[in-house]
Structure formats: C-alpha cells, structure tokens
Amino acid sequence: MAALSLRERLDLRRFFRGEKATDGPIVLSHRRIFILPNRYGLALALLLLIQWLTAINYGNNLAFILTFLLAAAAMASVLYGYRNLSGLIVDTGKANPVFVGDQALFELRLNNRADMHRYAIELKLKGAETIRMDIPAEGTIPAVLRVRAEKRGWLELDSVIISTTFPLGIFYAWSPINLNYRIMVYPKPARERLPFPRSGGDHLDGRASHSSDDFHGFRAYQAGDPFKHIHWKGLAKGGDPLIRQYTGGETEIIHLSWTDTRETDTEARLSRLCRWLLDAEQAEVRYSLHMPGTTIAENRGASHCRKCLEALALFHS
C-alpha cells in the first residue's frame, strides 16, 4: 500500500469517495476508516454538556460521576466501532454478464480473519439496496449488490461504503472502498422474433444437399430453425412442430449483418442482431457477424456467442 502525501490525506473527497480504485482484496486499515458522531451522538454530547454545567452549578458529585461515566462509555464506543471494521478484508467475486434491463450482480466477499465477531456491518452502494450482516469470527460472508443495468457496455462498480454504528449507535464508522470490478452488459434482445436474414437468395447457406445425408430423426422446433427442415406432414395432422435431423456433410451457416436489420436506430439494430445471435446459437447452427469495423468469422458455441455479444455491447463505445 503506497503512502499518501499530506495533501492527499487532507483531501475531503477521500472521506466520501475513498482512495483510487484498486484490485482486490482490500484490507480496511486505519487510513481507510473514518469515525464521526451521528445525530444520536451529537444529542448525547449536548446532553452531557448540559448535565456537566448543572453539576458545576449545583456542586453535585453524583451528577459529575454520571457525566464522566457516560462520556467514558462514549469514548470507548469509538474504539469498539473502529475495531469492528479494522482488519476486515474485502474481495470481489464473479462478474457474470447481463443484458440491458437486467440486474447486474456484484459479488463481494467479506473475510474476517480475527477471532472475534463483527456486528451490524452495512454495505451501501448508490442504486442498490443496503445490505446488513454480522460476520462470525474467522468467517467469510458473501454479499451481492444488485444494480440495474441501464445501458450496454462495461458497468463499473461504484464506490461501496462499508459502515457500522456498533456498539452504542452514537458514532458512525465508515470506509469507502473502490474496486476494479466491472460487468459486461449486452444489448437487450429484441422481443419480436424475425426470420434470419437471407444470404445469397436463400434463408441459410447450405454447404451440401440432403440427398447425400442420412435421416437421423426428429427434434422439437426452436426459434430460428430453417423452415425447409420442418416436418410439415406431421404438423398438418395436428402434431407439434418438429425438425428433421440428418447426418452427413451439410453445414448450415447464417450470416448476420448490420445491413440486414430493418431498424434505423443504432440501439434497435443492436437489439435485433442480439436476438438473431441468441436464436442462431439455440438452433445450433454456425453463424458469423458483420458490423461496421467488426467482422467475426462463422462458428458456434458458448465462447463464439459470447465474443459476438461483446462486440455488440462495445460497439462504438
């Protein structure tokens, strides 16, 4: 941990925003923890002042004793509040991608290596619900901060405030932490399912004919499946839509291009391409992606789908 200059230590923004973002884990040390009386602490201070002045005015020794005992308890609560946060280790968890409109889940792990319990710990993040917890001695507690993904691209974790008012609730101890933690947000898939774009006058590119392939069986129809493989006779008899499967050398390829989208708005076009990508992956066919400045060759599978979705998410960002 690099030393801070005097100017950096006295910078008021550090009290509210914390230090620069860093990779986890972060250990809450004395330079990261701040303590101030809250409204209850200020009310107690005013009460003690009045009680002390009254004790002086009337020369009441019992009033002096009570005033000093309460003041000592308040000072002790400062130490216990600091001790409740000091040494706590904060680390990041998974960063699973989401779609626009979904809840992005920022997973934090709070590790307590001390042989004492930590009580009334709170995690606060702008736009997320406050999390309250107790951490057992030598234990680790996971915490999930939920943030609504409003736009595509990288969603950075904002400053997280870890705080406590333990033990008496009259002092507020807090530590703002900034972690290098972000989640990829994909465009929201278009709701309407349209047929795949035609390529070279055909719905799909067929790299062989079925005449040389063997019939393998049927499977349930999925959005994006080619119409030419539908078992029409069974459908005409009132059965469920089925797809004929073949074994052989045919490879079906879908070319998903920016110019094939009917929409004019950029985000709407990205949503349409996102829907086609998901449907093509579900249909288990090979597909490529062609966008201004980006071309991803034909392939299929989870890694290929993720690569294409990331290209959509980061388009012109």
C-alpha atoms as a PDB file:
ATOM      1  CA  MET A   1       0.000   0.000   0.000  1.00  0.00           C
ATOM      2  CA  ALA A   2       1.607   3.246  -1.194  1.00  0.00           C
ATOM      3  CA  ALA A   3       1.990   6.048   1.325  1.00  0.00           C
ATOM      4  CA  LEU A   4      -0.247   9.093   0.951  1.00  0.00           C
ATOM      5  CA  SER A   5       1.046  12.637   0.903  1.00  0.00           C
ATOM      6  CA  LEU A   6      -0.261  15.153   3.441  1.00  0.00           C
ATOM      7  CA  ARG A   7      -2.301  16.829   0.721  1.00  0.00           C
ATOM      8  CA  GLU A   8      -3.916  13.522  -0.225  1.00  0.00           C
ATOM      9  CA  ARG A   9      -4.668  12.703   3.408  1.00  0.00           C
ATOM     10  CA  LEU A  10      -6.438  16.054   3.910  1.00  0.00           C
ATOM     11  CA  ASP A  11      -8.412  15.882   0.666  1.00  0.00           C
ATOM     12  CA  LEU A  12     -12.087  15.941   1.708  1.00  0.00           C
ATOM     13  CA  ARG A  13     -13.107  13.840  -1.297  1.00  0.00           C
ATOM     14  CA  ARG A  14     -11.204  10.939   0.236  1.00  0.00           C
ATOM     15  CA  PHE A  15     -13.620  10.895   3.189  1.00  0.00           C
ATOM     16  CA  PHE A  16     -16.609  10.363   0.902  1.00  0.00           C
ATOM     17  CA  ARG A  17     -15.226   8.663  -2.217  1.00  0.00           C
ATOM     18  CA  GLY A  18     -12.267   6.793  -0.771  1.00  0.00           C
ATOM     19  CA  GLU A  19      -8.941   6.161  -2.441  1.00  0.00           C
ATOM     20  CA  LYS A  20      -8.287   5.286  -6.075  1.00  0.00           C
ATOM     21  CA  ALA A  21      -9.747   2.045  -7.395  1.00  0.00           C
ATOM     22  CA  THR A  22      -7.543  -0.995  -6.964  1.00  0.00           C
ATOM     23  CA  ASP A  23      -7.693  -4.726  -7.490  1.00  0.00           C
ATOM     24  CA  GLY A  24      -8.938  -6.777  -4.558  1.00  0.00           C
ATOM     25  CA  PRO A  25      -8.539  -7.791  -1.886  1.00  0.00           C
ATOM     26  CA  ILE A  26      -8.650  -4.591   0.160  1.00  0.00           C
ATOM     27  CA  VAL A  27      -7.830  -4.601   3.874  1.00  0.00           C
ATOM     28  CA  LEU A  28      -9.608  -1.978   5.971  1.00  0.00           C
ATOM     29  CA  SER A  29      -6.789  -0.258   7.835  1.00  0.00           C
ATOM     30  CA  HIS A  30      -6.553   2.894   9.943  1.00  0.00           C
ATOM     31  CA  ARG A  31      -6.105   5.141   6.915  1.00  0.00           C
ATOM     32  CA  ARG A  32      -9.293   3.840   5.277  1.00  0.00           C
ATOM     33  CA  ILE A  33     -11.610   4.055   8.330  1.00  0.00           C
ATOM     34  CA  PHE A  34     -13.277   7.301   9.437  1.00  0.00           C
ATOM     35  CA  ILE A  35     -15.417   7.911  12.536  1.00  0.00           C
ATOM     36  CA  LEU A  36     -17.785  10.758  13.406  1.00  0.00           C
ATOM     37  CA  PRO A  37     -20.703  11.102  15.828  1.00  0.00           C
ATOM     38  CA  ASN A  38     -24.108  10.683  14.233  1.00  0.00           C
ATOM     39  CA  ARG A  39     -27.221  12.630  15.262  1.00  0.00           C
ATOM     40  CA  TYR A  40     -27.657  10.458  18.348  1.00  0.00           C
ATOM     41  CA  GLY A  41     -24.042  11.047  19.302  1.00  0.00           C
ATOM     42  CA  LEU A  42     -24.458  14.812  18.901  1.00  0.00           C
ATOM     43  CA  ALA A  43     -27.609  14.693  21.022  1.00  0.00           C
ATOM     44  CA  LEU A  44     -25.708  12.783  23.714  1.00  0.00           C
ATOM     45  CA  ALA A  45     -22.874  15.334  23.597  1.00  0.00           C
ATOM     46  CA  LEU A  46     -25.378  18.157  24.120  1.00  0.00           C
ATOM     47  CA  LEU A  47     -26.992  16.258  26.989  1.00  0.00           C
ATOM     48  CA  LEU A  48     -23.606  15.665  28.653  1.00  0.00           C
ATOM     49  CA  LEU A  49     -22.736  19.352  28.308  1.00  0.00           C
ATOM     50  CA  ILE A  50     -25.981  20.382  29.997  1.00  0.00           C
ATOM     51  CA  GLN A  51     -25.503  17.757  32.699  1.00  0.00           C
ATOM     52  CA  TRP A  52     -21.916  18.903  33.326  1.00  0.00           C
ATOM     53  CA  LEU A  53     -22.965  22.562  33.621  1.00  0.00           C
ATOM     54  CA  THR A  54     -25.737  21.535  36.000  1.00  0.00           C
ATOM     55  CA  ALA A  55     -23.258  19.561  38.127  1.00  0.00           C
ATOM     56  CA  ILE A  56     -20.964  22.596  38.309  1.00  0.00           C
ATOM     57  CA  ASN A  57     -23.818  24.943  39.180  1.00  0.00           C
ATOM     58  CA  TYR A  58     -25.148  22.772  41.998  1.00  0.00           C
ATOM     59  CA  GLY A  59     -21.870  21.132  43.022  1.00  0.00           C
ATOM     60  CA  ASN A  60     -23.472  17.693  42.708  1.00  0.00           C
ATOM     61  CA  ASN A  61     -20.853  14.948  42.807  1.00  0.00           C
ATOM     62  CA  LEU A  62     -23.274  12.256  41.601  1.00  0.00           C
ATOM     63  CA  ALA A  63     -24.027  14.356  38.526  1.00  0.00           C
ATOM     64  CA  PHE A  64     -20.271  14.656  37.881  1.00  0.00           C
ATOM     65  CA  ILE A  65     -19.825  10.884  38.187  1.00  0.00           C
ATOM     66  CA  LEU A  66     -22.736  10.154  35.837  1.00  0.00           C
ATOM     67  CA  THR A  67     -21.468  12.681  33.283  1.00  0.00           C
ATOM     68  CA  PHE A  68     -17.947  11.262  33.256  1.00  0.00           C
ATOM     69  CA  LEU A  69     -19.187   7.667  33.123  1.00  0.00           C
ATOM     70  CA  LEU A  70     -21.361   8.414  30.090  1.00  0.00           C
ATOM     71  CA  ALA A  71     -18.508  10.309  28.423  1.00  0.00           C
ATOM     72  CA  ALA A  72     -16.148   7.382  29.059  1.00  0.00           C
ATOM     73  CA  ALA A  73     -18.677   4.947  27.571  1.00  0.00           C
ATOM     74  CA  ALA A  74     -18.987   7.175  24.503  1.00  0.00           C
ATOM     75  CA  MET A  75     -15.209   7.286  24.051  1.00  0.00           C
ATOM     76  CA  ALA A  76     -14.991   3.515  24.452  1.00  0.00           C
ATOM     77  CA  SER A  77     -17.611   3.101  21.713  1.00  0.00           C
ATOM     78  CA  VAL A  78     -15.268   4.936  19.323  1.00  0.00           C
ATOM     79  CA  LEU A  79     -12.595   2.288  19.887  1.00  0.00           C
ATOM     80  CA  TYR A  80     -15.047  -0.595  19.558  1.00  0.00           C
ATOM     81  CA  GLY A  81     -16.528   0.888  16.390  1.00  0.00           C
ATOM     82  CA  TYR A  82     -13.089   1.191  14.809  1.00  0.00           C
ATOM     83  CA  ARG A  83     -12.177  -2.320  15.938  1.00  0.00           C
ATOM     84  CA  ASN A  84     -15.388  -3.628  14.370  1.00  0.00           C
ATOM     85  CA  LEU A  85     -14.140  -2.606  10.894  1.00  0.00           C
ATOM     86  CA  SER A  86     -10.370  -2.739  11.260  1.00  0.00           C
ATOM     87  CA  GLY A  87      -8.714  -5.689   9.534  1.00  0.00           C
ATOM     88  CA  LEU A  88     -11.796  -6.676   7.540  1.00  0.00           C
ATOM     89  CA  ILE A  89     -10.805  -7.989   4.096  1.00  0.00           C
ATOM     90  CA  VAL A  90     -12.994  -7.203   1.076  1.00  0.00           C
ATOM     91  CA  ASP A  91     -12.602  -9.111  -2.189  1.00  0.00           C
ATOM     92  CA  THR A  92     -14.564  -9.481  -5.409  1.00  0.00           C
ATOM     93  CA  GLY A  93     -16.462 -12.500  -6.706  1.00  0.00           C
ATOM     94  CA  LYS A  94     -17.858 -13.469 -10.095  1.00  0.00           C
ATOM     95  CA  ALA A  95     -18.700 -10.960 -12.827  1.00  0.00           C
ATOM     96  CA  ASN A  96     -21.376 -12.664 -14.918  1.00  0.00           C
ATOM     97  CA  PRO A  97     -22.563 -10.668 -17.955  1.00  0.00           C
ATOM     98  CA  VAL A  98     -26.175  -9.473 -18.169  1.00  0.00           C
ATOM     99  CA  PHE A  99     -28.493  -7.845 -20.693  1.00  0.00           C
ATOM    100  CA  VAL A 100     -29.736  -4.267 -20.574  1.00  0.00           C
ATOM    101  CA  GLY A 101     -32.657  -4.057 -18.155  1.00  0.00           C
ATOM    102  CA  ASP A 102     -31.460  -6.971 -16.019  1.00  0.00           C
ATOM    103  CA  GLN A 103     -29.974  -6.805 -12.533  1.00  0.00           C
ATOM    104  CA  ALA A 104     -26.171  -6.843 -12.532  1.00  0.00           C
ATOM    105  CA  LEU A 105     -24.897  -8.836  -9.555  1.00  0.00           C
ATOM    106  CA  PHE A 106     -21.708  -7.531  -7.954  1.00  0.00           C
ATOM    107  CA  GLU A 107     -20.488 -10.240  -5.583  1.00  0.00           C
ATOM    108  CA  LEU A 108     -18.295  -9.183  -2.664  1.00  0.00           C
ATOM    109  CA  ARG A 109     -16.728 -11.430  -0.031  1.00  0.00           C
ATOM    110  CA  LEU A 110     -16.072 -10.058   3.451  1.00  0.00           C
ATOM    111  CA  ASN A 111     -13.416 -12.084   5.208  1.00  0.00           C
ATOM    112  CA  ASN A 112     -12.948 -11.817   8.975  1.00  0.00           C
ATOM    113  CA  ARG A 113      -9.650 -13.398   9.999  1.00  0.00           C
ATOM    114  CA  ALA A 114      -9.860 -12.176  13.593  1.00  0.00           C
ATOM    115  CA  ASP A 115     -11.063 -14.391  16.451  1.00  0.00           C
ATOM    116  CA  MET A 116     -13.918 -12.013  17.264  1.00  0.00           C
ATOM    117  CA  HIS A 117     -17.367 -11.444  15.813  1.00  0.00           C
ATOM    118  CA  ARG A 118     -18.142  -8.294  13.860  1.00  0.00           C
ATOM    119  CA  TYR A 119     -21.620  -6.904  14.361  1.00  0.00           C
ATOM    120  CA  ALA A 120     -24.010  -4.594  12.496  1.00  0.00           C
ATOM    121  CA  ILE A 121     -21.927  -4.258   9.333  1.00  0.00           C
ATOM    122  CA  GLU A 122     -23.643  -2.411   6.467  1.00  0.00           C
ATOM    123  CA  LEU A 123     -22.784  -2.241   2.764  1.00  0.00           C
ATOM    124  CA  LYS A 124     -24.149   0.711   0.826  1.00  0.00           C
ATOM    125  CA  LEU A 125     -23.994   1.328  -2.916  1.00  0.00           C
ATOM    126  CA  LYS A 126     -25.783   4.023  -4.873  1.00  0.00           C
ATOM    127  CA  GLY A 127     -28.731   2.485  -6.682  1.00  0.00           C
ATOM    128  CA  ALA A 128     -28.632  -0.749  -4.671  1.00  0.00           C
ATOM    129  CA  GLU A 129     -30.376  -1.949  -1.538  1.00  0.00           C
ATOM    130  CA  THR A 130     -28.381  -1.654   1.695  1.00  0.00           C
ATOM    131  CA  ILE A 131     -27.069  -4.990   2.988  1.00  0.00           C
ATOM    132  CA  ARG A 132     -26.794  -5.625   6.743  1.00  0.00           C
ATOM    133  CA  MET A 133     -24.887  -8.511   8.264  1.00  0.00           C
ATOM    134  CA  ASP A 134     -22.936  -9.927  11.178  1.00  0.00           C
ATOM    135  CA  ILE A 135     -19.660 -11.681  10.391  1.00  0.00           C
ATOM    136  CA  PRO A 136     -18.595 -14.587  12.616  1.00  0.00           C
ATOM    137  CA  ALA A 137     -15.074 -14.968  13.948  1.00  0.00           C
ATOM    138  CA  GLU A 138     -12.688 -16.356  11.313  1.00  0.00           C
ATOM    139  CA  GLY A 139     -15.562 -16.482   8.849  1.00  0.00           C
ATOM    140  CA  THR A 140     -16.378 -15.210   5.368  1.00  0.00           C
ATOM    141  CA  ILE A 141     -19.742 -13.764   4.354  1.00  0.00           C
ATOM    142  CA  PRO A 142     -20.738 -13.208   0.697  1.00  0.00           C
ATOM    143  CA  ALA A 143     -22.711 -10.110  -0.214  1.00  0.00           C
ATOM    144  CA  VAL A 144     -24.449  -9.438  -3.528  1.00  0.00           C
ATOM    145  CA  LEU A 145     -25.107  -5.848  -4.569  1.00  0.00           C
ATOM    146  CA  ARG A 146     -27.798  -5.639  -7.254  1.00  0.00           C
ATOM    147  CA  VAL A 147     -27.636  -2.779  -9.748  1.00  0.00           C
ATOM    148  CA  ARG A 148     -29.989  -2.341 -12.693  1.00  0.00           C
ATOM    149  CA  ALA A 149     -28.072  -2.335 -15.987  1.00  0.00           C
ATOM    150  CA  GLU A 150     -29.319   0.763 -17.796  1.00  0.00           C
ATOM    151  CA  LYS A 151     -27.025   0.771 -20.835  1.00  0.00           C
ATOM    152  CA  ARG A 152     -24.776  -1.616 -22.749  1.00  0.00           C
ATOM    153  CA  GLY A 153     -21.016  -1.806 -22.334  1.00  0.00           C
ATOM    154  CA  TRP A 154     -18.964  -2.083 -19.172  1.00  0.00           C
ATOM    155  CA  LEU A 155     -20.787  -1.403 -15.904  1.00  0.00           C
ATOM    156  CA  GLU A 156     -18.243  -0.301 -13.305  1.00  0.00           C
ATOM    157  CA  LEU A 157     -18.803  -0.870  -9.602  1.00  0.00           C
ATOM    158  CA  ASP A 158     -19.232   2.494  -7.912  1.00  0.00           C
ATOM    159  CA  SER A 159     -17.772   3.362  -4.516  1.00  0.00           C
ATOM    160  CA  VAL A 160     -19.047   0.979  -1.816  1.00  0.00           C
ATOM    161  CA  ILE A 161     -19.466   2.265   1.741  1.00  0.00           C
ATOM    162  CA  ILE A 162     -18.822  -0.284   4.497  1.00  0.00           C
ATOM    163  CA  SER A 163     -20.080   1.122   7.790  1.00  0.00           C
ATOM    164  CA  THR A 164     -21.182   0.336  11.335  1.00  0.00           C
ATOM    165  CA  THR A 165     -22.720   2.105  14.340  1.00  0.00           C
ATOM    166  CA  PHE A 166     -21.719  -0.665  16.743  1.00  0.00           C
ATOM    167  CA  PRO A 167     -21.796  -0.799  19.749  1.00  0.00           C
ATOM    168  CA  LEU A 168     -23.969   2.052  21.089  1.00  0.00           C
ATOM    169  CA  GLY A 169     -25.283   3.568  17.857  1.00  0.00           C
ATOM    170  CA  ILE A 170     -23.892   7.031  18.627  1.00  0.00           C
ATOM    171  CA  PHE A 171     -20.818   7.003  16.356  1.00  0.00           C
ATOM    172  CA  TYR A 172     -20.770   6.275  12.630  1.00  0.00           C
ATOM    173  CA  ALA A 173     -17.643   4.464  11.416  1.00  0.00           C
ATOM    174  CA  TRP A 174     -17.305   4.067   7.663  1.00  0.00           C
ATOM    175  CA  SER A 175     -14.841   3.099   4.966  1.00  0.00           C
ATOM    176  CA  PRO A 176     -15.410   3.951   1.281  1.00  0.00           C
ATOM    177  CA  ILE A 177     -13.729   1.379  -0.969  1.00  0.00           C
ATOM    178  CA  ASN A 178     -13.185   1.392  -4.724  1.00  0.00           C
ATOM    179  CA  LEU A 179     -12.513  -1.880  -6.507  1.00  0.00           C
ATOM    180  CA  ASN A 180     -11.590  -2.561 -10.127  1.00  0.00           C
ATOM    181  CA  TYR A 181     -14.730  -4.583 -10.704  1.00  0.00           C
ATOM    182  CA  ARG A 182     -16.946  -4.397 -13.760  1.00  0.00           C
ATOM    183  CA  ILE A 183     -19.634  -6.407 -15.515  1.00  0.00           C
ATOM    184  CA  MET A 184     -20.317  -6.659 -19.244  1.00  0.00           C
ATOM    185  CA  VAL A 185     -23.813  -5.533 -20.251  1.00  0.00           C
ATOM    186  CA  TYR A 186     -25.129  -6.892 -23.558  1.00  0.00           C
ATOM    187  CA  PRO A 187     -27.805  -5.126 -25.622  1.00  0.00           C
ATOM    188  CA  LYS A 188     -31.351  -6.095 -24.781  1.00  0.00           C
ATOM    189  CA  PRO A 189     -32.564  -8.745 -27.255  1.00  0.00           C
ATOM    190  CA  ALA A 190     -35.406  -7.615 -29.491  1.00  0.00           C
ATOM    191  CA  ARG A 191     -38.727  -9.009 -28.312  1.00  0.00           C
ATOM    192  CA  GLU A 192     -40.011  -9.818 -31.803  1.00  0.00           C
ATOM    193  CA  ARG A 193     -38.537 -12.961 -33.328  1.00  0.00           C
ATOM    194  CA  LEU A 194     -37.951 -12.442 -37.064  1.00  0.00           C
ATOM    195  CA  PRO A 195     -36.610 -14.967 -39.594  1.00  0.00           C
ATOM    196  CA  PHE A 196     -32.880 -14.964 -40.084  1.00  0.00           C
ATOM    197  CA  PRO A 197     -31.619 -12.680 -42.878  1.00  0.00           C
ATOM    198  CA  ARG A 198     -31.351 -14.261 -46.310  1.00  0.00           C
ATOM    199  CA  SER A 199     -27.854 -14.850 -47.605  1.00  0.00           C
ATOM    200  CA  GLY A 200     -27.318 -15.145 -51.345  1.00  0.00           C
ATOM    201  CA  GLY A 201     -31.045 -15.571 -52.010  1.00  0.00           C
ATOM    202  CA  ASP A 202     -31.531 -18.403 -49.560  1.00  0.00           C
ATOM    203  CA  HIS A 203     -32.529 -18.409 -45.919  1.00  0.00           C
ATOM    204  CA  LEU A 204     -29.391 -20.285 -44.957  1.00  0.00           C
ATOM    205  CA  ASP A 205     -26.202 -21.229 -46.732  1.00  0.00           C
ATOM    206  CA  GLY A 206     -26.311 -24.976 -47.377  1.00  0.00           C
ATOM    207  CA  ARG A 207     -22.886 -26.462 -47.994  1.00  0.00           C
ATOM    208  CA  ALA A 208     -24.271 -29.753 -49.365  1.00  0.00           C
ATOM    209  CA  SER A 209     -27.633 -31.264 -50.198  1.00  0.00           C
ATOM    210  CA  HIS A 210     -29.619 -33.664 -48.099  1.00  0.00           C
ATOM    211  CA  SER A 211     -29.611 -36.237 -50.886  1.00  0.00           C
ATOM    212  CA  SER A 212     -26.247 -37.473 -49.668  1.00  0.00           C
ATOM    213  CA  ASP A 213     -27.211 -37.354 -45.986  1.00  0.00           C
ATOM    214  CA  ASP A 214     -28.955 -39.939 -43.838  1.00  0.00           C
ATOM    215  CA  PHE A 215     -32.124 -39.134 -41.938  1.00  0.00           C
ATOM    216  CA  HIS A 216     -31.288 -39.155 -38.239  1.00  0.00           C
ATOM    217  CA  GLY A 217     -34.593 -38.383 -36.503  1.00  0.00           C
ATOM    218  CA  PHE A 218     -36.772 -35.566 -35.198  1.00  0.00           C
ATOM    219  CA  ARG A 219     -36.400 -32.920 -32.524  1.00  0.00           C
ATOM    220  CA  ALA A 220     -38.667 -30.145 -31.255  1.00  0.00           C
ATOM    221  CA  TYR A 221     -38.804 -26.959 -33.306  1.00  0.00           C
ATOM    222  CA  GLN A 222     -36.816 -23.991 -31.957  1.00  0.00           C
ATOM    223  CA  ALA A 223     -36.974 -20.358 -32.995  1.00  0.00           C
ATOM    224  CA  GLY A 224     -34.589 -19.768 -35.880  1.00  0.00           C
ATOM    225  CA  ASP A 225     -34.725 -23.311 -37.284  1.00  0.00           C
ATOM    226  CA  PRO A 226     -34.853 -23.392 -41.124  1.00  0.00           C
ATOM    227  CA  PHE A 227     -38.357 -23.885 -42.486  1.00  0.00           C
ATOM    228  CA  LYS A 228     -37.167 -26.430 -45.054  1.00  0.00           C
ATOM    229  CA  HIS A 229     -36.427 -28.898 -42.216  1.00  0.00           C
ATOM    230  CA  ILE A 230     -39.901 -28.706 -40.656  1.00  0.00           C
ATOM    231  CA  HIS A 231     -41.884 -31.953 -40.722  1.00  0.00           C
ATOM    232  CA  TRP A 232     -44.890 -30.449 -42.500  1.00  0.00           C
ATOM    233  CA  LYS A 233     -46.885 -33.672 -42.796  1.00  0.00           C
ATOM    234  CA  GLY A 234     -46.869 -34.218 -39.056  1.00  0.00           C
ATOM    235  CA  LEU A 235     -47.764 -30.582 -38.476  1.00  0.00           C
ATOM    236  CA  ALA A 236     -50.709 -30.853 -40.909  1.00  0.00           C
ATOM    237  CA  LYS A 237     -52.070 -33.762 -38.866  1.00  0.00           C
ATOM    238  CA  GLY A 238     -52.194 -31.572 -35.769  1.00  0.00           C
ATOM    239  CA  GLY A 239     -48.907 -32.653 -34.229  1.00  0.00           C
ATOM    240  CA  ASP A 240     -46.281 -30.456 -32.623  1.00  0.00           C
ATOM    241  CA  PRO A 241     -43.801 -28.748 -34.969  1.00  0.00           C
ATOM    242  CA  LEU A 242     -40.765 -30.987 -35.405  1.00  0.00           C
ATOM    243  CA  ILE A 243     -37.450 -30.582 -37.210  1.00  0.00           C
ATOM    244  CA  ARG A 244     -35.946 -33.341 -39.343  1.00  0.00           C
ATOM    245  CA  GLN A 245     -32.318 -34.073 -38.410  1.00  0.00           C
ATOM    246  CA  TYR A 246     -29.768 -35.502 -40.807  1.00  0.00           C
ATOM    247  CA  THR A 247     -26.263 -36.893 -40.523  1.00  0.00           C
ATOM    248  CA  GLY A 248     -23.761 -36.078 -43.193  1.00  0.00           C
ATOM    249  CA  GLY A 249     -21.695 -33.262 -44.550  1.00  0.00           C
ATOM    250  CA  GLU A 250     -24.150 -30.356 -44.603  1.00  0.00           C
ATOM    251  CA  THR A 251     -23.103 -27.275 -42.693  1.00  0.00           C
ATOM    252  CA  GLU A 252     -25.657 -24.504 -42.335  1.00  0.00           C
ATOM    253  CA  ILE A 253     -24.294 -21.001 -41.945  1.00  0.00           C
ATOM    254  CA  ILE A 254     -26.150 -17.823 -41.079  1.00  0.00           C
ATOM    255  CA  HIS A 255     -24.538 -14.501 -41.941  1.00  0.00           C
ATOM    256  CA  LEU A 256     -25.772 -11.816 -39.545  1.00  0.00           C
ATOM    257  CA  SER A 257     -25.068  -8.397 -40.987  1.00  0.00           C
ATOM    258  CA  TRP A 258     -25.668  -4.847 -39.813  1.00  0.00           C
ATOM    259  CA  THR A 259     -27.180  -4.022 -43.215  1.00  0.00           C
ATOM    260  CA  ASP A 260     -29.813  -6.772 -42.866  1.00  0.00           C
ATOM    261  CA  THR A 261     -31.555  -5.066 -39.958  1.00  0.00           C
ATOM    262  CA  ARG A 262     -34.730  -3.142 -40.787  1.00  0.00           C
ATOM    263  CA  GLU A 263     -34.369  -0.759 -37.856  1.00  0.00           C
ATOM    264  CA  THR A 264     -32.812   2.699 -38.239  1.00  0.00           C
ATOM    265  CA  ASP A 265     -31.872   3.407 -34.615  1.00  0.00           C
ATOM    266  CA  THR A 266     -28.466   2.078 -33.554  1.00  0.00           C
ATOM    267  CA  GLU A 267     -29.685   0.508 -30.316  1.00  0.00           C
ATOM    268  CA  ALA A 268     -32.639  -1.112 -32.078  1.00  0.00           C
ATOM    269  CA  ARG A 269     -30.281  -2.601 -34.664  1.00  0.00           C
ATOM    270  CA  LEU A 270     -28.044  -3.985 -31.942  1.00  0.00           C
ATOM    271  CA  SER A 271     -31.082  -5.482 -30.219  1.00  0.00           C
ATOM    272  CA  ARG A 272     -32.144  -7.182 -33.456  1.00  0.00           C
ATOM    273  CA  LEU A 273     -28.659  -8.631 -34.020  1.00  0.00           C
ATOM    274  CA  CYS A 274     -28.611  -9.767 -30.397  1.00  0.00           C
ATOM    275  CA  ARG A 275     -31.898 -11.632 -30.870  1.00  0.00           C
ATOM    276  CA  TRP A 276     -30.622 -13.305 -34.052  1.00  0.00           C
ATOM    277  CA  LEU A 277     -27.401 -14.323 -32.296  1.00  0.00           C
ATOM    278  CA  LEU A 278     -29.258 -15.965 -29.441  1.00  0.00           C
ATOM    279  CA  ASP A 279     -31.676 -17.718 -31.798  1.00  0.00           C
ATOM    280  CA  ALA A 280     -28.845 -18.969 -34.012  1.00  0.00           C
ATOM    281  CA  GLU A 281     -26.971 -20.324 -31.010  1.00  0.00           C
ATOM    282  CA  GLN A 282     -30.116 -22.024 -29.767  1.00  0.00           C
ATOM    283  CA  ALA A 283     -30.676 -23.547 -33.218  1.00  0.00           C
ATOM    284  CA  GLU A 284     -27.128 -24.993 -33.063  1.00  0.00           C
ATOM    285  CA  VAL A 285     -26.102 -23.622 -36.467  1.00  0.00           C
ATOM    286  CA  ARG A 286     -22.918 -21.833 -37.445  1.00  0.00           C
ATOM    287  CA  TYR A 287     -23.166 -18.074 -37.785  1.00  0.00           C
ATOM    288  CA  SER A 288     -20.988 -15.056 -38.486  1.00  0.00           C
ATOM    289  CA  LEU A 289     -21.340 -11.395 -37.525  1.00  0.00           C
ATOM    290  CA  HIS A 290     -20.668  -8.426 -39.808  1.00  0.00           C
ATOM    291  CA  MET A 291     -20.775  -4.903 -38.384  1.00  0.00           C
ATOM    292  CA  PRO A 292     -19.123  -1.597 -39.280  1.00  0.00           C
ATOM    293  CA  GLY A 293     -15.499  -2.055 -38.247  1.00  0.00           C
ATOM    294  CA  THR A 294     -16.023  -5.593 -36.928  1.00  0.00           C
ATOM    295  CA  THR A 295     -16.237  -8.980 -38.616  1.00  0.00           C
ATOM    296  CA  ILE A 296     -16.379 -12.249 -36.690  1.00  0.00           C
ATOM    297  CA  ALA A 297     -15.979 -15.406 -38.746  1.00  0.00           C
ATOM    298  CA  GLU A 298     -18.512 -18.208 -38.721  1.00  0.00           C
ATOM    299  CA  ASN A 299     -18.547 -20.544 -35.755  1.00  0.00           C
ATOM    300  CA  ARG A 300     -20.843 -21.635 -32.966  1.00  0.00           C
ATOM    301  CA  GLY A 301     -20.709 -22.450 -29.269  1.00  0.00           C
ATOM    302  CA  ALA A 302     -20.759 -20.534 -25.995  1.00  0.00           C
ATOM    303  CA  SER A 303     -17.387 -18.814 -26.490  1.00  0.00           C
ATOM    304  CA  HIS A 304     -18.295 -17.715 -30.021  1.00  0.00           C
ATOM    305  CA  CYS A 305     -21.664 -16.402 -28.846  1.00  0.00           C
ATOM    306  CA  ARG A 306     -20.006 -14.502 -26.002  1.00  0.00           C
ATOM    307  CA  LYS A 307     -17.475 -12.970 -28.416  1.00  0.00           C
ATOM    308  CA  CYS A 308     -20.265 -11.770 -30.711  1.00  0.00           C
ATOM    309  CA  LEU A 309     -22.337 -10.391 -27.832  1.00  0.00           C
ATOM    310  CA  GLU A 310     -19.324  -8.492 -26.508  1.00  0.00           C
ATOM    311  CA  ALA A 311     -18.817  -6.965 -29.956  1.00  0.00           C
ATOM    312  CA  LEU A 312     -22.416  -5.739 -29.846  1.00  0.00           C
ATOM    313  CA  ALA A 313     -22.036  -4.424 -26.298  1.00  0.00           C
ATOM    314  CA  LEU A 314     -18.879  -2.450 -27.088  1.00  0.00           C
ATOM    315  CA  PHE A 315     -19.988  -1.152 -30.494  1.00  0.00           C
ATOM    316  CA  HIS A 316     -18.812   2.485 -30.809  1.00  0.00           C
ATOM    317  CA  SER A 317     -18.255   2.725 -27.045  1.00  0.00           C
END
